[in-house]
Amino acid sequence: MAGLLDDTPPPPVTMDSVEELRTYLWQQHQITVDADDPVLLVHTILRLSLDEQRRINDQYNRALSQTVRDASQDFTKDVLAAIEAFKAEALGDVVRERIKTMNETAEMAEDAIRQFSRLLRTQKILTTLNIIAVVFVVGVLSALTL
């Protein structure tokens, strides 16, 4: 049967103080560590190294975040410029296409006006001929009735 001390306690989430380390070592190994023990010196050195590494990592993370932010802003500017250029080109194509369509419509309208003018001249000629024919028929009928 296992004793209460046979089960190793889980390590604490943090060991920020030397006292926490001394308590953990007692719970783990039932060994008392004096305040001037070299193990505590190693712990302090490692703790300082870890804190320094965290500081460096934080500094690199801030620099990386800024670099990514700058790169994304530059990329966004480039994409927006490309979109504007595309819109201008597409709009230019649309405008050119509409102008072409308007010119074609204008040519069709001019052709219709020319045909209408020709029909109008033909109608004037036919109307004039009809009037002459009416006058001639009226004159013939008047001469025959006299």
C-alpha atoms as a PDB file:
ATOM      1  CA  MET A   1       0.000   0.000   0.000  1.00  0.00           C
ATOM      2  CA  ALA A   2       1.364   3.363  -1.012  1.00  0.00           C
ATOM      3  CA  GLY A   3       1.831   6.034   1.601  1.00  0.00           C
ATOM      4  CA  LEU A   4       0.713   9.632   1.442  1.00  0.00           C
ATOM      5  CA  LEU A   5       4.258  10.785   0.683  1.00  0.00           C
ATOM      6  CA  ASP A   6       4.690   8.247  -2.157  1.00  0.00           C
ATOM      7  CA  ASP A   7       2.382  10.251  -4.402  1.00  0.00           C
ATOM      8  CA  THR A   8       4.366  13.146  -5.818  1.00  0.00           C
ATOM      9  CA  PRO A   9       2.497  16.405  -5.723  1.00  0.00           C
ATOM     10  CA  PRO A  10       2.082  18.255  -9.002  1.00  0.00           C
ATOM     11  CA  PRO A  11       4.548  21.085  -9.476  1.00  0.00           C
ATOM     12  CA  PRO A  12       3.098  24.529  -8.946  1.00  0.00           C
ATOM     13  CA  VAL A  13       2.212  26.551 -12.003  1.00  0.00           C
ATOM     14  CA  THR A  14       4.855  29.105 -11.069  1.00  0.00           C
ATOM     15  CA  MET A  15       7.696  29.191  -8.596  1.00  0.00           C
ATOM     16  CA  ASP A  16       8.230  32.882  -8.298  1.00  0.00           C
ATOM     17  CA  SER A  17       9.838  32.823  -4.900  1.00  0.00           C
ATOM     18  CA  VAL A  18      12.618  30.840  -3.294  1.00  0.00           C
ATOM     19  CA  GLU A  19      10.220  29.845  -0.534  1.00  0.00           C
ATOM     20  CA  GLU A  20       7.901  28.203  -3.049  1.00  0.00           C
ATOM     21  CA  LEU A  21      10.857  26.229  -4.416  1.00  0.00           C
ATOM     22  CA  ARG A  22      11.941  25.175  -0.915  1.00  0.00           C
ATOM     23  CA  THR A  23       8.380  24.050  -0.093  1.00  0.00           C
ATOM     24  CA  TYR A  24       8.119  22.072  -3.324  1.00  0.00           C
ATOM     25  CA  LEU A  25      11.476  20.367  -2.725  1.00  0.00           C
ATOM     26  CA  TRP A  26      10.305  19.384   0.770  1.00  0.00           C
ATOM     27  CA  GLN A  27       7.031  18.003  -0.599  1.00  0.00           C
ATOM     28  CA  GLN A  28       8.799  16.149  -3.407  1.00  0.00           C
ATOM     29  CA  HIS A  29      11.901  14.804  -1.603  1.00  0.00           C
ATOM     30  CA  GLN A  30      11.380  15.510   2.088  1.00  0.00           C
ATOM     31  CA  ILE A  31      14.625  17.449   2.054  1.00  0.00           C
ATOM     32  CA  THR A  32      15.099  20.764   3.737  1.00  0.00           C
ATOM     33  CA  VAL A  33      17.039  23.229   1.611  1.00  0.00           C
ATOM     34  CA  ASP A  34      18.732  26.086   3.423  1.00  0.00           C
ATOM     35  CA  ALA A  35      18.344  29.641   2.152  1.00  0.00           C
ATOM     36  CA  ASP A  36      22.047  29.718   1.158  1.00  0.00           C
ATOM     37  CA  ASP A  37      21.963  26.366  -0.672  1.00  0.00           C
ATOM     38  CA  PRO A  38      23.555  26.301  -4.188  1.00  0.00           C
ATOM     39  CA  VAL A  39      20.341  24.786  -5.577  1.00  0.00           C
ATOM     40  CA  LEU A  40      18.598  28.023  -4.765  1.00  0.00           C
ATOM     41  CA  LEU A  41      21.418  29.919  -6.473  1.00  0.00           C
ATOM     42  CA  VAL A  42      20.883  27.840  -9.610  1.00  0.00           C
ATOM     43  CA  HIS A  43      17.148  28.426  -9.349  1.00  0.00           C
ATOM     44  CA  THR A  44      17.718  32.192  -9.079  1.00  0.00           C
ATOM     45  CA  ILE A  45      20.101  32.167 -12.043  1.00  0.00           C
ATOM     46  CA  LEU A  46      17.671  30.132 -14.147  1.00  0.00           C
ATOM     47  CA  ARG A  47      14.814  32.377 -13.071  1.00  0.00           C
ATOM     48  CA  LEU A  48      16.772  35.470 -14.172  1.00  0.00           C
ATOM     49  CA  SER A  49      17.645  33.780 -17.453  1.00  0.00           C
ATOM     50  CA  LEU A  50      14.007  32.855 -18.007  1.00  0.00           C
ATOM     51  CA  ASP A  51      12.876  36.411 -17.247  1.00  0.00           C
ATOM     52  CA  GLU A  52      15.499  37.795 -19.648  1.00  0.00           C
ATOM     53  CA  GLN A  53      14.408  35.323 -22.332  1.00  0.00           C
ATOM     54  CA  ARG A  54      10.770  36.357 -21.838  1.00  0.00           C
ATOM     55  CA  ARG A  55      11.772  40.013 -22.143  1.00  0.00           C
ATOM     56  CA  ILE A  56      13.656  39.274 -25.374  1.00  0.00           C
ATOM     57  CA  ASN A  57      10.731  37.208 -26.690  1.00  0.00           C
ATOM     58  CA  ASP A  58       8.307  40.025 -25.870  1.00  0.00           C
ATOM     59  CA  GLN A  59      10.575  42.483 -27.658  1.00  0.00           C
ATOM     60  CA  TYR A  60      10.770  40.205 -30.725  1.00  0.00           C
ATOM     61  CA  ASN A  61       7.008  39.651 -30.631  1.00  0.00           C
ATOM     62  CA  ARG A  62       6.392  43.401 -30.606  1.00  0.00           C
ATOM     63  CA  ALA A  63       8.849  43.876 -33.478  1.00  0.00           C
ATOM     64  CA  LEU A  64       7.294  41.003 -35.418  1.00  0.00           C
ATOM     65  CA  SER A  65       3.803  42.347 -34.807  1.00  0.00           C
ATOM     66  CA  GLN A  66       4.864  45.770 -36.059  1.00  0.00           C
ATOM     67  CA  THR A  67       6.531  44.238 -39.117  1.00  0.00           C
ATOM     68  CA  VAL A  68       3.436  42.192 -39.925  1.00  0.00           C
ATOM     69  CA  ARG A  69       1.211  45.250 -39.363  1.00  0.00           C
ATOM     70  CA  ASP A  70       3.402  47.366 -41.669  1.00  0.00           C
ATOM     71  CA  ALA A  71       3.539  44.639 -44.308  1.00  0.00           C
ATOM     72  CA  SER A  72      -0.231  44.175 -44.197  1.00  0.00           C
ATOM     73  CA  GLN A  73      -0.764  47.937 -44.506  1.00  0.00           C
ATOM     74  CA  ASP A  74       1.593  48.073 -47.496  1.00  0.00           C
ATOM     75  CA  PHE A  75      -0.143  45.069 -49.017  1.00  0.00           C
ATOM     76  CA  THR A  76      -3.537  46.677 -48.432  1.00  0.00           C
ATOM     77  CA  LYS A  77      -2.359  49.890 -50.093  1.00  0.00           C
ATOM     78  CA  ASP A  78      -1.039  47.907 -53.081  1.00  0.00           C
ATOM     79  CA  VAL A  79      -4.288  45.961 -53.404  1.00  0.00           C
ATOM     80  CA  LEU A  80      -6.376  49.146 -53.184  1.00  0.00           C
ATOM     81  CA  ALA A  81      -4.184  50.793 -55.834  1.00  0.00           C
ATOM     82  CA  ALA A  82      -4.565  47.745 -58.082  1.00  0.00           C
ATOM     83  CA  ILE A  83      -8.339  47.814 -57.574  1.00  0.00           C
ATOM     84  CA  GLU A  84      -8.471  51.528 -58.440  1.00  0.00           C
ATOM     85  CA  ALA A  85      -6.351  50.937 -61.553  1.00  0.00           C
ATOM     86  CA  PHE A  86      -8.594  48.056 -62.556  1.00  0.00           C
ATOM     87  CA  LYS A  87     -11.716  50.148 -61.957  1.00  0.00           C
ATOM     88  CA  ALA A  88     -10.261  53.005 -64.017  1.00  0.00           C
ATOM     89  CA  GLU A  89      -9.349  50.616 -66.820  1.00  0.00           C
ATOM     90  CA  ALA A  90     -12.702  48.853 -66.651  1.00  0.00           C
ATOM     91  CA  LEU A  91     -14.511  52.190 -66.534  1.00  0.00           C
ATOM     92  CA  GLY A  92     -12.435  53.339 -69.504  1.00  0.00           C
ATOM     93  CA  ASP A  93     -13.455  50.181 -71.365  1.00  0.00           C
ATOM     94  CA  VAL A  94     -17.108  50.748 -70.463  1.00  0.00           C
ATOM     95  CA  VAL A  95     -16.953  54.381 -71.544  1.00  0.00           C
ATOM     96  CA  ARG A  96     -15.230  53.438 -74.807  1.00  0.00           C
ATOM     97  CA  GLU A  97     -17.849  50.760 -75.437  1.00  0.00           C
ATOM     98  CA  ARG A  98     -20.692  53.191 -74.742  1.00  0.00           C
ATOM     99  CA  ILE A  99     -19.161  55.835 -77.024  1.00  0.00           C
ATOM    100  CA  LYS A 100     -18.810  53.210 -79.749  1.00  0.00           C
ATOM    101  CA  THR A 101     -22.446  52.195 -79.264  1.00  0.00           C
ATOM    102  CA  MET A 102     -23.538  55.846 -79.327  1.00  0.00           C
ATOM    103  CA  ASN A 103     -21.600  56.420 -82.574  1.00  0.00           C
ATOM    104  CA  GLU A 104     -23.172  53.345 -84.142  1.00  0.00           C
ATOM    105  CA  THR A 105     -26.617  54.558 -83.032  1.00  0.00           C
ATOM    106  CA  ALA A 106     -25.912  58.016 -84.440  1.00  0.00           C
ATOM    107  CA  GLU A 107     -24.925  56.465 -87.792  1.00  0.00           C
ATOM    108  CA  MET A 108     -28.121  54.411 -87.790  1.00  0.00           C
ATOM    109  CA  ALA A 109     -30.156  57.538 -86.987  1.00  0.00           C
ATOM    110  CA  GLU A 110     -28.488  59.489 -89.826  1.00  0.00           C
ATOM    111  CA  ASP A 111     -29.216  56.605 -92.204  1.00  0.00           C
ATOM    112  CA  ALA A 112     -32.860  56.574 -91.074  1.00  0.00           C
ATOM    113  CA  ILE A 113     -33.079  60.365 -91.597  1.00  0.00           C
ATOM    114  CA  ARG A 114     -31.640  60.008 -95.122  1.00  0.00           C
ATOM    115  CA  GLN A 115     -34.148  57.281 -95.959  1.00  0.00           C
ATOM    116  CA  PHE A 116     -36.998  59.325 -94.481  1.00  0.00           C
ATOM    117  CA  SER A 117     -35.886  62.371 -96.539  1.00  0.00           C
ATOM    118  CA  ARG A 118     -35.816  60.224 -99.684  1.00  0.00           C
ATOM    119  CA  LEU A 119     -39.299  58.908 -98.913  1.00  0.00           C
ATOM    120  CA  LEU A 120     -40.504  62.450 -98.253  1.00  0.00           C
ATOM    121  CA  ARG A 121     -39.141  63.653-101.621  1.00  0.00           C
ATOM    122  CA  THR A 122     -40.765  60.694-103.332  1.00  0.00           C
ATOM    123  CA  GLN A 123     -44.050  61.463-101.576  1.00  0.00           C
ATOM    124  CA  LYS A 124     -43.813  65.126-102.657  1.00  0.00           C
ATOM    125  CA  ILE A 125     -43.247  64.066-106.250  1.00  0.00           C
ATOM    126  CA  LEU A 126     -46.163  61.638-106.116  1.00  0.00           C
ATOM    127  CA  THR A 127     -48.400  64.255-104.455  1.00  0.00           C
ATOM    128  CA  THR A 128     -47.454  66.787-107.125  1.00  0.00           C
ATOM    129  CA  LEU A 129     -48.176  64.243-109.866  1.00  0.00           C
ATOM    130  CA  ASN A 130     -51.510  63.425-108.223  1.00  0.00           C
ATOM    131  CA  ILE A 131     -52.446  67.139-108.112  1.00  0.00           C
ATOM    132  CA  ILE A 132     -51.447  67.545-111.764  1.00  0.00           C
ATOM    133  CA  ALA A 133     -53.476  64.443-112.609  1.00  0.00           C
ATOM    134  CA  VAL A 134     -56.507  65.795-110.703  1.00  0.00           C
ATOM    135  CA  VAL A 135     -56.238  69.152-112.488  1.00  0.00           C
ATOM    136  CA  PHE A 136     -55.885  67.369-115.825  1.00  0.00           C
ATOM    137  CA  VAL A 137     -58.858  65.097-115.141  1.00  0.00           C
ATOM    138  CA  VAL A 138     -60.964  68.028-113.942  1.00  0.00           C
ATOM    139  CA  GLY A 139     -59.969  69.963-117.074  1.00  0.00           C
ATOM    140  CA  VAL A 140     -60.807  67.043-119.354  1.00  0.00           C
ATOM    141  CA  LEU A 141     -64.118  66.471-117.623  1.00  0.00           C
ATOM    142  CA  SER A 142     -64.919  70.178-117.821  1.00  0.00           C
ATOM    143  CA  ALA A 143     -64.081  70.230-121.532  1.00  0.00           C
ATOM    144  CA  LEU A 144     -66.222  67.184-122.184  1.00  0.00           C
ATOM    145  CA  THR A 145     -69.183  68.553-120.301  1.00  0.00           C
ATOM    146  CA  LEU A 146     -69.173  71.815-122.160  1.00  0.00           C
END
